[in-house]
């Protein structure tokens, strides 16, 4: 009976190791990659919306004038247009 118990425990340990390598580690890596992507996106949003990008003029205006600047960026399509 003890040898069967030992064999079963060894088999369970091997199965748990395989499960960890093939499932848990993949999920952890995927989550880490996703969090890195979100962090990069957050940094980019902060950079684009920061006060240092609040232009009041592009080519120069008088002190008594008020102005604003807007940038329009054209990019390729993200998905299919079907």
Protein backbone atom coordinates (compact mmCIF):
# COMPACT_ATOMS: atom_id res chain seq x y z
CA UNK A 1 0.00 0.00 0.00
CA UNK A 2 2.82 2.40 0.80
CA UNK A 3 4.49 1.91 -2.59
CA UNK A 4 1.17 2.72 -4.31
CA UNK A 5 0.87 5.85 -2.17
CA UNK A 6 4.44 6.87 -3.06
CA UNK A 7 3.82 6.24 -6.76
CA UNK A 8 0.60 8.27 -6.62
CA UNK A 9 2.32 11.15 -4.84
CA UNK A 10 5.12 11.14 -7.44
CA UNK A 11 2.59 11.12 -10.28
CA UNK A 12 0.67 13.99 -8.66
CA UNK A 13 3.89 16.00 -8.23
CA UNK A 14 4.82 15.45 -11.89
CA UNK A 15 1.32 16.45 -12.99
CA UNK A 16 1.40 19.62 -10.89
CA UNK A 17 4.81 20.54 -12.31
CA UNK A 18 3.52 20.02 -15.87
CA UNK A 19 0.37 22.04 -15.10
CA UNK A 20 2.48 24.85 -13.70
CA UNK A 21 4.79 24.92 -16.72
CA UNK A 22 2.10 24.58 -19.40
CA UNK A 23 -0.75 26.57 -17.90
CA UNK A 24 0.06 28.75 -14.92
CA UNK A 25 3.35 30.11 -16.31
CA UNK A 26 1.70 30.97 -19.65
CA UNK A 27 -1.10 32.84 -17.87
CA UNK A 28 1.39 34.68 -15.67
CA UNK A 29 3.54 35.65 -18.67
CA UNK A 30 0.46 36.82 -20.58
CA UNK A 31 -0.70 38.94 -17.65
CA UNK A 32 2.77 40.43 -17.23
CA UNK A 33 2.87 41.35 -20.94
CA UNK A 34 -0.61 42.89 -20.70
CA UNK A 35 0.36 44.96 -17.65
CA UNK A 36 3.49 46.16 -19.47
CA UNK A 37 1.35 47.19 -22.45
CA UNK A 38 -1.09 49.06 -20.19
CA UNK A 39 1.80 50.81 -18.45
CA UNK A 40 3.26 51.87 -21.82
CA UNK A 41 -0.15 53.15 -22.92
CA UNK A 42 -0.58 55.10 -19.68
CA UNK A 43 2.85 56.70 -20.11
CA UNK A 44 2.00 57.69 -23.68
CA UNK A 45 -1.36 59.18 -22.66
CA UNK A 46 0.32 61.21 -19.92
CA UNK A 47 2.89 62.49 -22.41
CA UNK A 48 0.23 63.47 -24.97
CA UNK A 49 -2.06 65.20 -22.48
CA UNK A 50 0.60 66.81 -20.30
CA UNK A 51 0.66 70.53 -19.60
CA UNK A 52 3.94 70.89 -21.47
CA UNK A 53 2.03 70.17 -24.69
CA UNK A 54 -0.55 72.91 -24.14
CA UNK A 55 0.57 75.20 -26.94
CA UNK A 56 -1.01 78.62 -27.13
CA UNK A 57 0.65 79.46 -30.41
CA UNK A 58 2.62 77.77 -33.15
CA UNK A 59 4.34 80.61 -34.94
CA UNK A 60 4.25 83.40 -32.37
CA UNK A 61 1.60 85.81 -31.10
CA UNK A 62 1.64 89.10 -29.21
CA UNK A 63 1.46 89.14 -25.41
CA UNK A 64 -2.01 90.70 -25.53
CA UNK A 65 -3.35 87.96 -27.82
CA UNK A 66 -4.73 84.56 -26.89
CA UNK A 67 -4.41 81.52 -29.11
CA UNK A 68 -4.63 77.76 -29.33
CA UNK A 69 -3.03 75.03 -31.41
CA UNK A 70 -4.47 71.67 -32.45
CA UNK A 71 -2.60 68.91 -34.22
CA UNK A 72 -4.27 66.54 -36.68
CA UNK A 73 -2.46 63.26 -37.24
CA UNK A 74 -3.29 60.93 -40.12
CA UNK A 75 -2.52 57.22 -39.63
CA UNK A 76 -3.13 53.98 -41.46
CA UNK A 77 -6.31 52.06 -40.82
CA UNK A 78 -6.32 49.83 -37.74
CA UNK A 79 -8.57 47.10 -39.10
CA UNK A 80 -10.27 45.83 -42.23
CA UNK A 81 -12.63 48.18 -43.98
CA UNK A 82 -14.85 45.34 -45.22
